[in-house]
Every structure is written in C-alpha cells, then in structure tokens.
N, C-alpha and C. Protein backbone atom coordinates (compact mmCIF):
# COMPACT_ATOMS: atom_id res chain seq x y z
N UNK A 1 63.26 97.51 -58.83
CA UNK A 1 62.29 97.46 -59.91
C UNK A 1 62.06 98.87 -60.46
N UNK A 2 61.99 98.99 -61.74
CA UNK A 2 61.82 100.29 -62.39
C UNK A 2 60.50 100.29 -63.16
N UNK A 3 59.73 101.37 -63.01
CA UNK A 3 58.46 101.49 -63.72
C UNK A 3 58.22 102.95 -64.08
N UNK A 4 57.30 103.20 -64.99
CA UNK A 4 57.00 104.56 -65.43
C UNK A 4 56.34 105.36 -64.29
N UNK A 5 56.69 106.64 -64.22
CA UNK A 5 56.05 107.58 -63.30
C UNK A 5 54.67 107.91 -63.87
N UNK A 6 53.67 108.03 -63.01
CA UNK A 6 52.33 108.38 -63.51
C UNK A 6 51.93 109.78 -63.03
N UNK A 7 50.82 110.29 -63.59
CA UNK A 7 50.33 111.64 -63.27
C UNK A 7 50.13 111.83 -61.77
N UNK A 8 49.55 110.85 -61.12
CA UNK A 8 49.27 110.95 -59.68
C UNK A 8 50.56 111.15 -58.88
N UNK A 9 51.59 110.39 -59.19
CA UNK A 9 52.87 110.51 -58.49
C UNK A 9 53.53 111.86 -58.79
N UNK A 10 53.44 112.30 -60.03
CA UNK A 10 54.01 113.60 -60.39
C UNK A 10 53.32 114.72 -59.63
N UNK A 11 52.00 114.63 -59.50
CA UNK A 11 51.26 115.64 -58.74
C UNK A 11 51.73 115.70 -57.29
N UNK A 12 52.08 114.57 -56.71
CA UNK A 12 52.51 114.52 -55.32
C UNK A 12 53.88 115.13 -55.10
N UNK A 13 54.69 115.27 -56.13
CA UNK A 13 56.04 115.80 -55.96
C UNK A 13 56.07 117.30 -55.75
N UNK A 14 55.02 118.00 -56.10
CA UNK A 14 55.05 119.45 -55.99
C UNK A 14 55.52 120.11 -57.27
N UNK A 15 56.00 119.34 -58.22
CA UNK A 15 56.45 119.90 -59.49
C UNK A 15 55.30 120.20 -60.44
N UNK A 16 54.18 119.53 -60.23
CA UNK A 16 53.05 119.59 -61.14
C UNK A 16 52.67 121.02 -61.51
N UNK A 17 52.49 121.88 -60.51
CA UNK A 17 52.01 123.24 -60.74
C UNK A 17 53.01 124.10 -61.51
N UNK A 18 54.29 123.75 -61.44
CA UNK A 18 55.29 124.58 -62.11
C UNK A 18 55.54 124.16 -63.56
N UNK A 19 54.89 123.08 -64.01
CA UNK A 19 55.10 122.57 -65.37
C UNK A 19 53.94 122.92 -66.28
N UNK A 20 54.24 123.22 -67.55
CA UNK A 20 53.20 123.40 -68.55
C UNK A 20 52.68 122.02 -68.94
N UNK A 21 51.57 121.98 -69.65
CA UNK A 21 51.04 120.69 -70.11
C UNK A 21 52.06 119.95 -70.96
N UNK A 22 52.75 120.67 -71.83
CA UNK A 22 53.77 120.06 -72.68
C UNK A 22 54.94 119.53 -71.86
N UNK A 23 55.35 120.30 -70.84
CA UNK A 23 56.44 119.86 -69.97
C UNK A 23 56.04 118.60 -69.21
N UNK A 24 54.80 118.55 -68.73
CA UNK A 24 54.32 117.37 -68.01
C UNK A 24 54.36 116.14 -68.92
N UNK A 25 53.88 116.31 -70.15
CA UNK A 25 53.86 115.19 -71.09
C UNK A 25 55.28 114.69 -71.36
N UNK A 26 56.19 115.61 -71.59
CA UNK A 26 57.59 115.24 -71.84
C UNK A 26 58.21 114.59 -70.61
N UNK A 27 57.96 115.18 -69.46
CA UNK A 27 58.50 114.65 -68.21
C UNK A 27 58.03 113.22 -67.99
N UNK A 28 56.73 112.98 -68.17
CA UNK A 28 56.19 111.64 -67.95
C UNK A 28 56.70 110.64 -68.97
N UNK A 29 57.01 111.11 -70.17
CA UNK A 29 57.57 110.22 -71.19
C UNK A 29 58.92 109.66 -70.75
N UNK A 30 59.74 110.52 -70.15
CA UNK A 30 61.10 110.13 -69.78
C UNK A 30 61.24 109.62 -68.35
N UNK A 31 60.29 109.90 -67.50
CA UNK A 31 60.44 109.63 -66.06
C UNK A 31 60.12 108.19 -65.68
N UNK A 32 60.94 107.68 -64.78
CA UNK A 32 60.74 106.34 -64.21
C UNK A 32 60.79 106.43 -62.69
N UNK A 33 60.13 105.50 -62.04
CA UNK A 33 60.19 105.36 -60.59
C UNK A 33 61.04 104.13 -60.30
N UNK A 34 61.95 104.30 -59.38
CA UNK A 34 62.79 103.17 -58.99
C UNK A 34 62.99 103.21 -57.49
N UNK A 35 62.70 102.10 -56.83
CA UNK A 35 62.93 101.98 -55.40
C UNK A 35 64.40 101.67 -55.19
N UNK A 36 65.00 102.38 -54.25
CA UNK A 36 66.43 102.21 -53.99
C UNK A 36 66.66 101.79 -52.54
N UNK A 37 67.67 101.00 -52.34
CA UNK A 37 68.02 100.55 -51.00
C UNK A 37 68.61 101.70 -50.19
N UNK A 38 68.49 101.60 -48.88
CA UNK A 38 69.10 102.58 -47.99
C UNK A 38 70.60 102.64 -48.27
N UNK A 39 71.14 103.85 -48.32
CA UNK A 39 72.56 104.13 -48.57
C UNK A 39 72.97 103.92 -50.03
N UNK A 40 72.01 103.75 -50.92
CA UNK A 40 72.31 103.65 -52.35
C UNK A 40 72.92 104.97 -52.81
N UNK A 41 73.96 104.91 -53.60
CA UNK A 41 74.62 106.13 -54.08
C UNK A 41 74.08 106.47 -55.47
N UNK A 42 73.43 107.64 -55.58
CA UNK A 42 72.89 108.09 -56.87
C UNK A 42 74.00 108.56 -57.80
N UNK A 43 74.91 109.37 -57.26
CA UNK A 43 76.01 109.88 -58.06
C UNK A 43 77.07 110.48 -57.14
N UNK A 44 78.24 110.67 -57.71
CA UNK A 44 79.33 111.34 -56.99
C UNK A 44 79.55 112.71 -57.61
N UNK A 45 79.87 113.68 -56.80
CA UNK A 45 80.16 115.03 -57.28
C UNK A 45 81.27 114.97 -58.33
N UNK A 46 81.07 115.66 -59.45
CA UNK A 46 82.05 115.71 -60.52
C UNK A 46 81.93 114.59 -61.54
N UNK A 47 81.10 113.59 -61.23
CA UNK A 47 80.89 112.46 -62.13
C UNK A 47 80.06 112.91 -63.34
N UNK A 48 80.36 112.36 -64.52
CA UNK A 48 79.58 112.66 -65.70
C UNK A 48 78.15 112.20 -65.46
N UNK A 49 77.18 113.05 -65.80
CA UNK A 49 75.80 112.74 -65.50
C UNK A 49 74.93 112.58 -66.72
N UNK A 50 73.95 111.71 -66.61
CA UNK A 50 72.98 111.53 -67.69
C UNK A 50 71.56 111.31 -67.16
N UNK A 51 71.36 111.50 -65.85
CA UNK A 51 70.03 111.34 -65.26
C UNK A 51 69.76 112.46 -64.26
N UNK A 52 68.52 112.90 -64.22
CA UNK A 52 68.05 113.86 -63.23
C UNK A 52 67.06 113.10 -62.36
N UNK A 53 67.11 113.34 -61.06
CA UNK A 53 66.30 112.58 -60.12
C UNK A 53 65.27 113.47 -59.44
N UNK A 54 64.05 112.97 -59.29
CA UNK A 54 63.00 113.63 -58.52
C UNK A 54 62.64 112.69 -57.39
N UNK A 55 62.76 113.18 -56.20
CA UNK A 55 62.46 112.35 -55.04
C UNK A 55 60.95 112.28 -54.85
N UNK A 56 60.40 111.09 -54.96
CA UNK A 56 58.96 110.88 -54.82
C UNK A 56 58.59 110.61 -53.37
N UNK A 57 59.41 109.83 -52.67
CA UNK A 57 59.16 109.55 -51.26
C UNK A 57 60.49 109.28 -50.56
N UNK A 58 60.48 109.41 -49.26
CA UNK A 58 61.70 109.17 -48.48
C UNK A 58 62.57 110.41 -48.40
N UNK A 59 63.84 110.20 -48.11
CA UNK A 59 64.80 111.30 -47.98
C UNK A 59 66.10 110.87 -48.64
N UNK A 60 66.84 111.86 -49.15
CA UNK A 60 68.16 111.61 -49.72
C UNK A 60 69.13 112.57 -49.06
N UNK A 61 70.19 112.01 -48.53
CA UNK A 61 71.21 112.81 -47.87
C UNK A 61 72.29 113.15 -48.90
N UNK A 62 72.54 114.46 -49.09
CA UNK A 62 73.60 114.90 -49.99
C UNK A 62 74.83 115.18 -49.16
N UNK A 63 75.89 114.45 -49.46
CA UNK A 63 77.13 114.53 -48.69
C UNK A 63 78.22 115.18 -49.53
N UNK A 64 79.14 115.85 -48.86
CA UNK A 64 80.30 116.43 -49.52
C UNK A 64 81.56 115.91 -48.84
N UNK A 65 82.52 115.51 -49.65
CA UNK A 65 83.80 115.03 -49.14
C UNK A 65 84.55 116.23 -48.56
N UNK A 66 84.98 116.10 -47.31
CA UNK A 66 85.73 117.18 -46.66
C UNK A 66 87.15 116.74 -46.32
N UNK A 67 87.60 115.67 -46.99
CA UNK A 67 88.97 115.20 -46.81
C UNK A 67 89.14 114.22 -45.67
N UNK A 68 90.27 113.54 -45.70
CA UNK A 68 90.63 112.56 -44.68
C UNK A 68 89.52 111.56 -44.41
N UNK A 69 88.88 111.07 -45.49
CA UNK A 69 87.80 110.09 -45.39
C UNK A 69 86.61 110.57 -44.56
N UNK A 70 86.37 111.87 -44.56
CA UNK A 70 85.24 112.44 -43.84
C UNK A 70 84.27 113.08 -44.81
N UNK A 71 82.99 113.03 -44.43
CA UNK A 71 81.93 113.65 -45.23
C UNK A 71 81.08 114.51 -44.31
N UNK A 72 80.44 115.51 -44.91
CA UNK A 72 79.51 116.34 -44.17
C UNK A 72 78.22 116.43 -44.96
N UNK A 73 77.10 116.46 -44.26
CA UNK A 73 75.80 116.59 -44.91
C UNK A 73 75.62 118.05 -45.33
N UNK A 74 75.37 118.26 -46.62
CA UNK A 74 75.15 119.62 -47.11
C UNK A 74 73.67 119.89 -47.36
N UNK A 75 72.88 118.82 -47.47
CA UNK A 75 71.44 119.00 -47.69
C UNK A 75 70.73 117.67 -47.45
N UNK A 76 69.53 117.74 -46.94
CA UNK A 76 68.68 116.57 -46.79
C UNK A 76 67.48 116.80 -47.70
N UNK A 77 67.46 116.11 -48.85
CA UNK A 77 66.40 116.28 -49.84
C UNK A 77 65.14 115.53 -49.40
N UNK A 78 64.01 116.13 -49.69
CA UNK A 78 62.71 115.56 -49.32
C UNK A 78 61.84 115.41 -50.58
N UNK A 79 60.73 114.69 -50.47
CA UNK A 79 59.88 114.48 -51.64
C UNK A 79 59.56 115.77 -52.38
N UNK A 80 59.64 115.68 -53.71
CA UNK A 80 59.38 116.82 -54.58
C UNK A 80 60.64 117.54 -55.03
N UNK A 81 61.76 117.28 -54.36
CA UNK A 81 63.00 117.94 -54.74
C UNK A 81 63.66 117.25 -55.93
N UNK A 82 64.34 118.06 -56.73
CA UNK A 82 65.04 117.57 -57.91
C UNK A 82 66.53 117.50 -57.59
N UNK A 83 67.17 116.40 -57.97
CA UNK A 83 68.60 116.21 -57.75
C UNK A 83 69.27 116.05 -59.12
N UNK A 84 70.39 116.73 -59.31
CA UNK A 84 71.09 116.67 -60.58
C UNK A 84 70.50 117.60 -61.62
N UNK A 85 69.75 118.58 -61.16
CA UNK A 85 69.02 119.48 -62.06
C UNK A 85 69.92 120.32 -62.96
N UNK A 86 71.18 120.49 -62.60
CA UNK A 86 72.09 121.26 -63.46
C UNK A 86 72.24 120.63 -64.83
N UNK A 87 72.02 119.33 -64.92
CA UNK A 87 72.09 118.66 -66.23
C UNK A 87 71.05 119.20 -67.18
N UNK A 88 69.95 119.72 -66.66
CA UNK A 88 68.89 120.29 -67.50
C UNK A 88 69.32 121.59 -68.15
N UNK A 89 70.36 122.22 -67.61
CA UNK A 89 70.84 123.49 -68.16
C UNK A 89 72.05 123.31 -69.05
N UNK A 90 72.36 122.06 -69.36
CA UNK A 90 73.46 121.80 -70.27
C UNK A 90 74.75 121.35 -69.59
N UNK A 91 74.77 121.33 -68.26
CA UNK A 91 75.96 120.85 -67.54
C UNK A 91 76.16 119.37 -67.88
N UNK A 92 77.39 118.94 -67.88
CA UNK A 92 77.70 117.55 -68.22
C UNK A 92 78.02 116.69 -66.99
N UNK A 93 78.25 117.34 -65.85
CA UNK A 93 78.69 116.61 -64.65
C UNK A 93 77.82 117.01 -63.45
N UNK A 94 77.69 116.09 -62.52
CA UNK A 94 76.96 116.38 -61.29
C UNK A 94 77.78 117.34 -60.43
N UNK A 95 77.10 118.27 -59.82
CA UNK A 95 77.78 119.25 -58.98
C UNK A 95 77.24 119.20 -57.57
C-alpha cells in the first residue's frame, strides 16, 4: 500500500532539521510511504533510476555482487538514511 508521507514521519527520519521550509514542502509533495516485504529489491546497481528512497523504519541491506553468484553486504541502512541520493545530483543510474 502506498500513501503520502506526512510531517510527523519526515521529522522522525532525521532529515527534518537539514531541510529548509521550501525543501520540506517540496519533499512532502513528492514523497510516499510504502511498506515493502522482507527481501524486496529496491534497485540494482547500474540500473536506470527515477526514485530516491528514505528509510522511515526497519533496515535495508545494501549488497554488492562480488562474482560467482556471491554478494557481500556493503552497508546496513537504518531509519533516516537516504538511498539512491545520487539521482538528486543529476545521476541517471543507481550506484
């Protein structure tokens, strides 16, 4: 289920203090909350991107392919962290 992010949830992410009033308004206009199943794949490295993710609750494991069908954890994201943020700087693909 997908729904709009509200001020209260944005405040809980830790991003609130780093945003101007205008940034908050814009962020809330575009932001949605979506509950995802365990092991849901947000994106693959190198894939064309069109969404930036802010973790509101839970954890997201960032994995990197190390060959021969093996992966290694490169980061464990926690609430308040932004994923895919390079897209905000004009990048076209997830890194």
